Amino acid sequence: MTKTLFHNFTLFDGRNTENETNAWFVVEDGNLVDRGTGNTPKADEEVNLDGRFVMPGLFNVHSHLTAHPDKFDGGFDLSEAESAYYALHHLRELLKSGVTYVRECGDAYDTDIKLKRLQAAGVLKHVPELQPSGRVMSMTGGHGDGPHNAYLTDSPDEMRKAVRTALKNGARVIKMMATGGVMTPGDFMDDPQLSVEEMRTAVVEAHHKGIRAAAHAEGNPGIQNALDAGVDSLEHGFYVTEKECKQALKQGTVITPTLVAEMNIPKYGKGVLPDWEVKKAEDALDDTYTNFKRAHQMGVPFTLGTDAGTPFNGFDQTPTEFEYLEKVGMTPAEAFQCSTLNSPKLCDVADTHGTLEVGKYADFLVLDDDPLQNVKAVQQKDKEVYLRGNREF
């Protein structure tokens, strides 16, 4: 196997909170096999990074590949062929933005599951690694109840059947709808939807197979219901309370805040989206930051996801999420660790992904400016993106 030495850069490895200067590492067969500072070892090939900054590739643990940020109905009217086309395009957009690992949270036609099969077979290349969810679990008339988009489950028995079917089909995360949401007419963030019993059934079935369960949960009592059901992650969680934070800490539940999704609807949607949709997002903003600042201070782990595919929320927006995490009270290192540490742990791939340590995949970004001094450095449009040690952009 060819050994490639990358050298002459400053390294943020994703675990340590300070940079290493004059750094180098060696990549062999897609893995980081050696690392250090100063004098470099011999290798078959060398890449001089000219004194720039290197950090791990990004995770996005909440994405909807078959949704379209410019189709404000969520893209539910698309055919399967159109959904697959957009999903492939969106995967490439994610990779160009710096995302090297994607966890899906709901796709039409189980498109992500089918793409994952192609990826596992070595057919689908030059895209981020994919953890598919397939269709979401929703109640009849609930958030996400769209053609080809959801399993409609209205009892624990129906949920058990749906989850078992999803797992059989290849889902590697189970996504449920615990509350209403911004994009669905006629429901609200504080509308409870799937019941505790229904969601607990899903959690049990998923955990039997070693699979995580996630819940779309924006308001209460749905957040509390999702926690009582034992979910692994609260998606959005805008109205999480102090009591719920304590429970999340006790049982190991993380929050995926998707702040960019909530910000973009009132920022760009006035006069374009229905007034009710803009108002729901706008009304939540102040409360969201108050609640998330408290959650962060209490030590609740945050992961990195954007809800990509929602209105005005393109698949190039992952780097923007970090500046909103700073507003929650995080340092740049803490914001990036939502991606490098917490997200891989949620996806059960922390042994191989997330940080630039020996024994892990060499997925990394090369930036002109220091991300630990300014989180916006990762928003660089022409940054270099490496997947398994191979340059993709």
Protein backbone atom coordinates (compact mmCIF):
# COMPACT_ATOMS: atom_id res chain seq x y z
CA MET A 1 0.00 0.00 0.00
CA THR A 2 1.14 3.53 -0.77
CA LYS A 3 1.96 5.73 2.21
CA THR A 4 1.25 9.44 1.72
CA LEU A 5 2.78 12.05 4.02
CA PHE A 6 0.81 15.27 4.53
CA HIS A 7 2.95 17.93 6.19
CA ASN A 8 3.54 21.62 6.86
CA PHE A 9 0.17 22.50 8.43
CA THR A 10 -1.45 23.49 11.72
CA LEU A 11 -3.73 20.75 13.05
CA PHE A 12 -6.98 20.86 15.01
CA ASP A 13 -7.55 17.15 15.51
CA GLY A 14 -11.13 17.45 16.78
CA ARG A 15 -10.37 16.18 20.29
CA ASN A 16 -7.78 18.55 21.71
CA THR A 17 -8.96 22.13 22.15
CA GLU A 18 -5.69 23.66 20.95
CA ASN A 19 -3.88 23.45 17.62
CA GLU A 20 -0.65 21.59 16.91
CA THR A 21 1.78 23.59 14.79
CA ASN A 22 4.24 22.20 12.26
CA ALA A 23 2.11 19.07 12.13
CA TRP A 24 2.18 16.04 9.85
CA PHE A 25 0.38 12.73 9.40
CA VAL A 26 0.69 9.66 7.20
CA VAL A 27 -2.23 8.07 5.34
CA GLU A 28 -2.26 4.49 4.10
CA ASP A 29 -5.26 2.76 2.52
CA GLY A 30 -7.55 5.60 3.65
CA ASN A 31 -6.47 5.42 7.29
CA LEU A 32 -4.34 7.73 9.37
CA VAL A 33 -1.44 5.48 10.42
CA ASP A 34 1.05 7.92 11.97
CA ARG A 35 1.03 11.49 13.21
CA GLY A 36 3.35 14.00 14.83
CA THR A 37 5.05 17.39 14.73
CA GLY A 38 8.47 18.53 13.59
CA ASN A 39 10.67 16.03 11.77
CA THR A 40 8.74 13.96 9.24
CA PRO A 41 9.08 10.26 8.38
CA LYS A 42 9.75 8.90 4.93
CA ALA A 43 6.77 8.02 2.72
CA ASP A 44 6.02 7.01 -0.84
CA GLU A 45 4.35 10.33 -1.62
CA GLU A 46 4.32 13.76 0.00
CA VAL A 47 1.73 16.56 0.06
CA ASN A 48 2.90 19.94 1.32
CA LEU A 49 -0.08 21.90 2.70
CA ASP A 50 1.81 25.21 2.70
CA GLY A 51 1.26 26.24 6.29
CA ARG A 52 -2.53 26.09 6.14
CA PHE A 53 -4.98 24.67 8.71
CA VAL A 54 -6.31 21.10 8.84
CA MET A 55 -9.37 19.88 10.75
CA PRO A 56 -11.63 16.81 10.57
CA GLY A 57 -14.34 16.46 7.97
CA LEU A 58 -17.78 17.44 9.24
CA PHE A 59 -20.71 15.34 10.35
CA ASN A 60 -24.32 16.24 9.55
CA VAL A 61 -26.63 14.01 11.59
CA HIS A 62 -29.93 15.54 10.47
CA SER A 63 -30.48 15.75 6.73
CA HIS A 64 -33.25 15.00 4.22
CA LEU A 65 -31.61 14.14 0.91
CA THR A 66 -34.85 13.81 -1.05
CA ALA A 67 -36.24 17.13 0.17
CA HIS A 68 -35.49 20.29 -1.76
CA PRO A 69 -34.77 23.68 -0.15
CA ASP A 70 -36.39 25.50 -3.07
CA LYS A 71 -39.57 23.38 -3.08
CA PHE A 72 -41.46 24.71 -0.10
CA ASP A 73 -43.85 21.76 0.17
CA GLY A 74 -40.88 19.56 1.12
CA GLY A 75 -40.76 18.00 -2.32
CA PHE A 76 -43.43 15.42 -1.45
CA ASP A 77 -44.76 15.48 -5.02
CA LEU A 78 -41.51 14.25 -6.58
CA SER A 79 -41.31 10.89 -8.31
CA GLU A 80 -38.88 8.23 -7.13
CA ALA A 81 -36.54 8.96 -10.05
CA GLU A 82 -36.55 12.68 -9.28
CA SER A 83 -35.94 12.00 -5.59
CA ALA A 84 -32.94 9.82 -6.38
CA TYR A 85 -31.52 12.43 -8.75
CA TYR A 86 -31.79 15.19 -6.16
CA ALA A 87 -30.40 12.95 -3.40
CA LEU A 88 -27.24 12.26 -5.41
CA HIS A 89 -26.83 15.95 -6.19
CA HIS A 90 -27.36 16.84 -2.53
CA LEU A 91 -24.76 14.31 -1.38
CA ARG A 92 -22.19 15.95 -3.61
CA GLU A 93 -23.18 19.39 -2.26
CA LEU A 94 -22.70 18.12 1.28
CA LEU A 95 -19.26 16.77 0.46
CA LYS A 96 -18.16 19.98 -1.23
CA SER A 97 -19.25 21.93 1.86
CA GLY A 98 -16.98 19.75 4.01
CA VAL A 99 -19.37 17.03 5.20
CA THR A 100 -17.80 13.58 5.11
CA TYR A 101 -20.48 11.67 7.11
CA VAL A 102 -24.26 12.05 6.87
CA ARG A 103 -26.98 10.56 9.07
CA GLU A 104 -30.37 10.81 7.41
CA CYS A 105 -33.56 11.66 9.30
CA GLY A 106 -36.27 10.85 6.77
CA ASP A 107 -36.34 10.32 3.02
CA ALA A 108 -39.02 9.53 0.47
CA TYR A 109 -39.09 6.08 -1.15
CA ASP A 110 -36.32 4.83 1.19
CA THR A 111 -33.97 6.45 -1.32
CA ASP A 112 -31.14 6.79 1.20
CA ILE A 113 -31.31 3.08 2.04
CA LYS A 114 -30.96 2.20 -1.63
CA LEU A 115 -28.06 4.61 -2.06
CA LYS A 116 -26.36 3.09 0.98
CA ARG A 117 -26.56 -0.34 -0.65
CA LEU A 118 -24.77 1.07 -3.69
CA GLN A 119 -22.18 2.71 -1.47
CA ALA A 120 -21.57 -0.52 0.46
CA ALA A 121 -21.17 -2.39 -2.85
CA GLY A 122 -18.53 0.09 -3.99
CA VAL A 123 -20.69 1.44 -6.81
CA LEU A 124 -21.54 4.83 -5.31
CA LYS A 125 -18.34 6.80 -4.73
CA HIS A 126 -17.22 10.40 -4.16
CA VAL A 127 -19.99 11.13 -1.64
CA PRO A 128 -20.02 11.28 2.18
CA GLU A 129 -20.48 8.06 4.12
CA LEU A 130 -24.19 7.55 4.69
CA GLN A 131 -26.23 6.26 7.64
CA PRO A 132 -29.77 5.84 6.26
CA SER A 133 -33.11 6.14 8.02
CA GLY A 134 -35.57 5.56 5.21
CA ARG A 135 -39.08 6.79 5.82
CA VAL A 136 -40.06 8.40 9.14
CA MET A 137 -42.56 7.12 11.70
CA SER A 138 -45.56 9.46 11.88
CA MET A 139 -49.15 9.31 13.03
CA THR A 140 -51.94 9.64 10.50
CA GLY A 141 -52.22 13.34 9.73
CA GLY A 142 -49.06 14.11 11.65
CA HIS A 143 -45.86 15.90 10.83
CA GLY A 144 -44.22 14.13 7.90
CA ASP A 145 -47.42 12.45 6.68
CA GLY A 146 -46.68 12.77 2.97
CA PRO A 147 -46.85 10.35 0.06
CA HIS A 148 -43.99 7.85 0.09
CA ASN A 149 -42.45 9.69 3.04
CA ALA A 150 -43.73 7.99 6.20
CA TYR A 151 -44.91 4.83 7.90
CA LEU A 152 -48.26 5.84 9.41
CA THR A 153 -48.44 4.29 12.86
CA ASP A 154 -51.44 4.74 15.15
CA SER A 155 -50.79 2.15 17.87
CA PRO A 156 -47.86 0.38 19.51
CA ASP A 157 -48.54 -2.71 17.39
CA GLU A 158 -48.51 -0.68 14.17
CA MET A 159 -45.26 0.95 15.31
CA ARG A 160 -43.68 -2.43 16.04
CA LYS A 161 -44.57 -3.66 12.55
CA ALA A 162 -43.32 -0.46 10.91
CA VAL A 163 -39.99 -0.43 12.73
CA ARG A 164 -39.37 -4.10 12.04
CA THR A 165 -40.15 -3.47 8.37
CA ALA A 166 -37.81 -0.46 8.26
CA LEU A 167 -34.99 -2.43 9.86
CA LYS A 168 -35.56 -5.30 7.44
CA ASN A 169 -35.35 -2.85 4.54
CA GLY A 170 -32.04 -1.45 5.76
CA ALA A 171 -32.75 1.52 8.05
CA ARG A 172 -29.84 2.26 10.39
CA VAL A 173 -31.59 4.91 12.45
CA ILE A 174 -35.29 5.10 13.34
CA LYS A 175 -36.80 8.59 13.08
CA MET A 176 -40.11 9.40 14.80
CA MET A 177 -42.35 12.44 15.01
CA ALA A 178 -43.10 13.34 18.64
CA THR A 179 -44.55 16.78 17.88
CA GLY A 180 -45.91 18.97 15.16
CA GLY A 181 -43.51 21.17 13.24
CA VAL A 182 -42.89 24.35 11.32
CA MET A 183 -43.67 23.09 7.82
CA THR A 184 -46.94 21.23 8.43
CA PRO A 185 -50.17 23.26 8.20
CA GLY A 186 -52.60 22.74 11.04
CA ASP A 187 -50.18 21.59 13.71
CA PHE A 188 -47.78 23.36 16.03
CA MET A 189 -44.52 22.75 17.85
CA ASP A 190 -46.36 22.09 21.10
CA ASP A 191 -48.76 19.55 19.57
CA PRO A 192 -47.95 16.08 20.91
CA GLN A 193 -48.22 13.44 18.21
CA LEU A 194 -46.84 9.92 18.61
CA SER A 195 -47.54 8.67 22.13
CA VAL A 196 -45.01 7.57 24.73
CA GLU A 197 -46.15 3.95 24.29
CA GLU A 198 -45.79 4.10 20.50
CA MET A 199 -42.34 5.65 20.66
CA ARG A 200 -41.15 3.35 23.44
CA THR A 201 -42.09 0.41 21.24
CA ALA A 202 -39.95 1.86 18.45
CA VAL A 203 -37.02 2.43 20.79
CA VAL A 204 -37.17 -1.13 22.11
CA GLU A 205 -37.33 -2.63 18.61
CA ALA A 206 -34.49 -0.43 17.36
CA HIS A 207 -32.29 -1.16 20.37
CA HIS A 208 -32.86 -4.90 19.95
CA LYS A 209 -30.93 -4.53 16.69
CA GLY A 210 -28.34 -2.10 18.05
CA ILE A 211 -29.92 0.78 16.13
CA ARG A 212 -30.50 4.31 17.50
CA ALA A 213 -33.89 6.01 17.72
CA ALA A 214 -34.35 9.74 17.07
CA ALA A 215 -37.40 11.93 17.68
CA HIS A 216 -38.45 15.14 15.96
CA ALA A 217 -39.46 17.01 19.13
CA GLU A 218 -39.79 20.79 19.03
CA GLY A 219 -42.12 21.66 21.92
CA ASN A 220 -43.82 20.22 24.96
CA PRO A 221 -45.27 17.85 26.02
CA GLY A 222 -43.74 16.04 23.01
CA ILE A 223 -40.13 16.54 24.18
CA GLN A 224 -41.03 15.01 27.53
CA ASN A 225 -42.85 12.16 25.79
CA ALA A 226 -39.80 11.42 23.66
CA LEU A 227 -37.52 11.40 26.70
CA ASP A 228 -39.91 9.13 28.60
CA ALA A 229 -39.85 6.79 25.59
CA GLY A 230 -36.05 6.58 25.89
CA VAL A 231 -34.99 8.09 22.54
CA ASP A 232 -31.29 8.52 21.84
CA SER A 233 -31.57 11.99 20.30
CA LEU A 234 -33.96 14.91 20.43
CA GLU A 235 -34.06 16.51 17.00
CA HIS A 236 -34.61 20.30 17.27
CA GLY A 237 -35.64 20.37 20.96
CA PHE A 238 -36.29 24.12 20.85
CA TYR A 239 -38.40 24.26 24.03
CA VAL A 240 -36.38 21.84 26.18
CA THR A 241 -36.80 22.63 29.89
CA GLU A 242 -34.38 22.42 32.82
CA LYS A 243 -36.16 19.30 34.10
CA GLU A 244 -35.89 17.67 30.67
CA CYS A 245 -32.19 18.56 30.48
CA LYS A 246 -31.62 16.72 33.76
CA GLN A 247 -33.45 13.68 32.40
CA ALA A 248 -31.51 13.85 29.12
CA LEU A 249 -28.23 13.88 31.03
CA LYS A 250 -29.30 10.97 33.22
CA GLN A 251 -30.28 8.74 30.32
CA GLY A 252 -27.69 9.86 27.78
CA THR A 253 -29.98 11.61 25.30
CA VAL A 254 -28.36 14.24 23.05
CA ILE A 255 -29.83 17.26 21.27
CA THR A 256 -29.45 18.03 17.56
CA PRO A 257 -30.41 21.73 17.52
CA THR A 258 -30.65 22.43 13.73
CA LEU A 259 -30.37 26.16 14.40
CA VAL A 260 -29.70 27.14 10.79
CA ALA A 261 -33.04 25.64 9.75
CA GLU A 262 -34.94 27.67 12.31
CA MET A 263 -33.04 30.86 11.47
CA ASN A 264 -33.44 30.68 7.69
CA ILE A 265 -37.24 30.51 7.55
CA PRO A 266 -37.89 33.94 9.13
CA LYS A 267 -34.70 35.32 7.54
CA TYR A 268 -35.66 34.49 3.95
CA GLY A 269 -39.28 33.34 4.05
CA LYS A 270 -41.28 36.54 4.54
CA GLY A 271 -43.46 37.12 1.50
CA VAL A 272 -42.45 33.74 0.06
CA LEU A 273 -43.65 31.12 2.55
CA PRO A 274 -47.12 31.10 4.15
CA ASP A 275 -47.37 33.57 7.05
CA TRP A 276 -48.23 30.77 9.50
CA GLU A 277 -44.99 28.93 8.67
CA VAL A 278 -42.78 31.99 9.10
CA LYS A 279 -44.52 32.92 12.35
CA LYS A 280 -44.00 29.48 13.90
CA ALA A 281 -40.24 29.66 13.29
CA GLU A 282 -39.93 33.32 14.24
CA ASP A 283 -41.84 32.92 17.49
CA ALA A 284 -39.47 30.20 18.67
CA LEU A 285 -36.15 31.96 18.10
CA ASP A 286 -35.71 33.85 21.38
CA ASP A 287 -36.91 30.90 23.45
CA THR A 288 -34.62 28.56 21.53
CA TYR A 289 -31.44 30.42 22.46
CA THR A 290 -32.49 30.81 26.10
CA ASN A 291 -33.26 27.10 26.38
CA PHE A 292 -30.14 25.92 24.53
CA LYS A 293 -27.83 28.19 26.54
CA ARG A 294 -29.19 26.56 29.70
CA ALA A 295 -28.86 23.06 28.21
CA HIS A 296 -25.24 23.75 27.23
CA GLN A 297 -24.39 25.15 30.66
CA MET A 298 -25.89 22.03 32.23
CA GLY A 299 -23.65 19.84 30.09
CA VAL A 300 -26.22 18.30 27.72
CA PRO A 301 -24.29 17.05 24.64
CA PHE A 302 -25.17 18.68 21.31
CA THR A 303 -24.64 17.03 17.94
CA LEU A 304 -24.26 18.71 14.55
CA GLY A 305 -27.18 18.65 12.13
CA THR A 306 -28.92 21.22 9.97
CA ASP A 307 -32.24 19.73 8.79
CA ALA A 308 -30.88 20.19 5.27
CA GLY A 309 -33.61 20.23 2.64
CA THR A 310 -36.06 22.41 4.57
CA PRO A 311 -36.95 25.84 3.08
CA PHE A 312 -33.93 28.00 2.22
CA ASN A 313 -31.73 25.43 3.97
CA GLY A 314 -29.40 24.14 1.30
CA PHE A 315 -27.04 21.20 1.53
CA ASP A 316 -24.09 23.61 1.63
CA GLN A 317 -25.14 25.11 4.96
CA THR A 318 -23.50 22.74 7.47
CA PRO A 319 -20.51 25.07 8.08
CA THR A 320 -22.92 27.89 8.99
CA GLU A 321 -24.33 25.96 11.97
CA PHE A 322 -21.15 26.56 13.99
CA GLU A 323 -21.63 30.32 14.21
CA TYR A 324 -25.09 29.75 15.71
CA LEU A 325 -23.66 27.26 18.20
CA GLU A 326 -21.31 30.03 19.34
CA LYS A 327 -24.39 32.10 20.14
CA VAL A 328 -25.50 29.29 22.46
CA GLY A 329 -22.34 29.99 24.45
CA MET A 330 -19.86 27.52 22.96
CA THR A 331 -16.22 28.21 22.23
CA PRO A 332 -15.11 27.42 18.67
CA ALA A 333 -13.57 24.14 19.88
CA GLU A 334 -16.79 23.16 21.70
CA ALA A 335 -18.86 23.99 18.62
CA PHE A 336 -16.66 21.83 16.38
CA GLN A 337 -16.68 18.99 18.92
CA CYS A 338 -20.44 18.71 18.38
CA SER A 339 -19.34 17.32 15.02
CA THR A 340 -16.03 15.64 15.83
CA LEU A 341 -16.92 13.93 19.14
CA ASN A 342 -20.65 13.91 19.87
CA SER A 343 -21.96 13.14 16.38
CA PRO A 344 -19.73 10.10 15.75
CA LYS A 345 -20.69 8.76 19.18
CA LEU A 346 -24.40 9.13 18.33
CA CYS A 347 -23.82 7.32 15.04
CA ASP A 348 -21.79 4.58 16.78
CA VAL A 349 -18.76 5.22 14.56
CA ALA A 350 -16.48 7.07 17.00
CA ASP A 351 -13.84 4.34 16.76
CA THR A 352 -13.25 5.09 13.10
CA HIS A 353 -14.59 8.60 12.40
CA GLY A 354 -14.72 12.15 13.69
CA THR A 355 -11.23 13.00 14.92
CA LEU A 356 -7.86 12.92 13.17
CA GLU A 357 -6.21 10.29 15.33
CA VAL A 358 -4.14 7.26 14.41
CA GLY A 359 -6.36 4.34 13.44
CA LYS A 360 -9.21 6.45 12.07
CA TYR A 361 -10.22 7.37 8.53
CA ALA A 362 -8.37 10.29 6.99
CA ASP A 363 -11.39 12.51 6.32
CA PHE A 364 -10.27 16.12 6.61
CA LEU A 365 -10.50 19.73 5.44
CA VAL A 366 -7.74 22.15 4.52
CA LEU A 367 -8.52 25.79 5.33
CA ASP A 368 -6.79 29.12 4.76
CA ASP A 369 -7.64 30.46 8.24
CA ASP A 370 -7.61 29.10 11.78
CA PRO A 371 -11.03 27.63 12.70
CA LEU A 372 -10.25 27.85 16.44
CA GLN A 373 -9.90 31.61 16.09
CA ASN A 374 -12.95 32.08 13.89
CA VAL A 375 -15.60 29.38 13.29
CA LYS A 376 -16.48 31.07 9.99
CA ALA A 377 -13.15 29.84 8.61
CA VAL A 378 -14.88 26.54 7.80
CA GLN A 379 -17.30 28.42 5.51
CA GLN A 380 -14.49 28.95 2.99
CA LYS A 381 -15.97 28.18 -0.42
CA ASP A 382 -12.83 26.77 -2.05
CA LYS A 383 -11.55 24.73 0.90
CA GLU A 384 -9.96 21.38 0.14
CA VAL A 385 -12.00 18.32 1.12
CA TYR A 386 -10.33 14.92 1.56
CA LEU A 387 -12.19 11.62 1.89
CA ARG A 388 -10.10 8.64 3.03
CA GLY A 389 -6.98 10.64 2.20
CA ASN A 390 -8.07 11.37 -1.38
CA ARG A 391 -8.85 14.91 -2.42
CA GLU A 392 -12.45 15.32 -3.60
CA PHE A 393 -12.61 19.12 -3.87
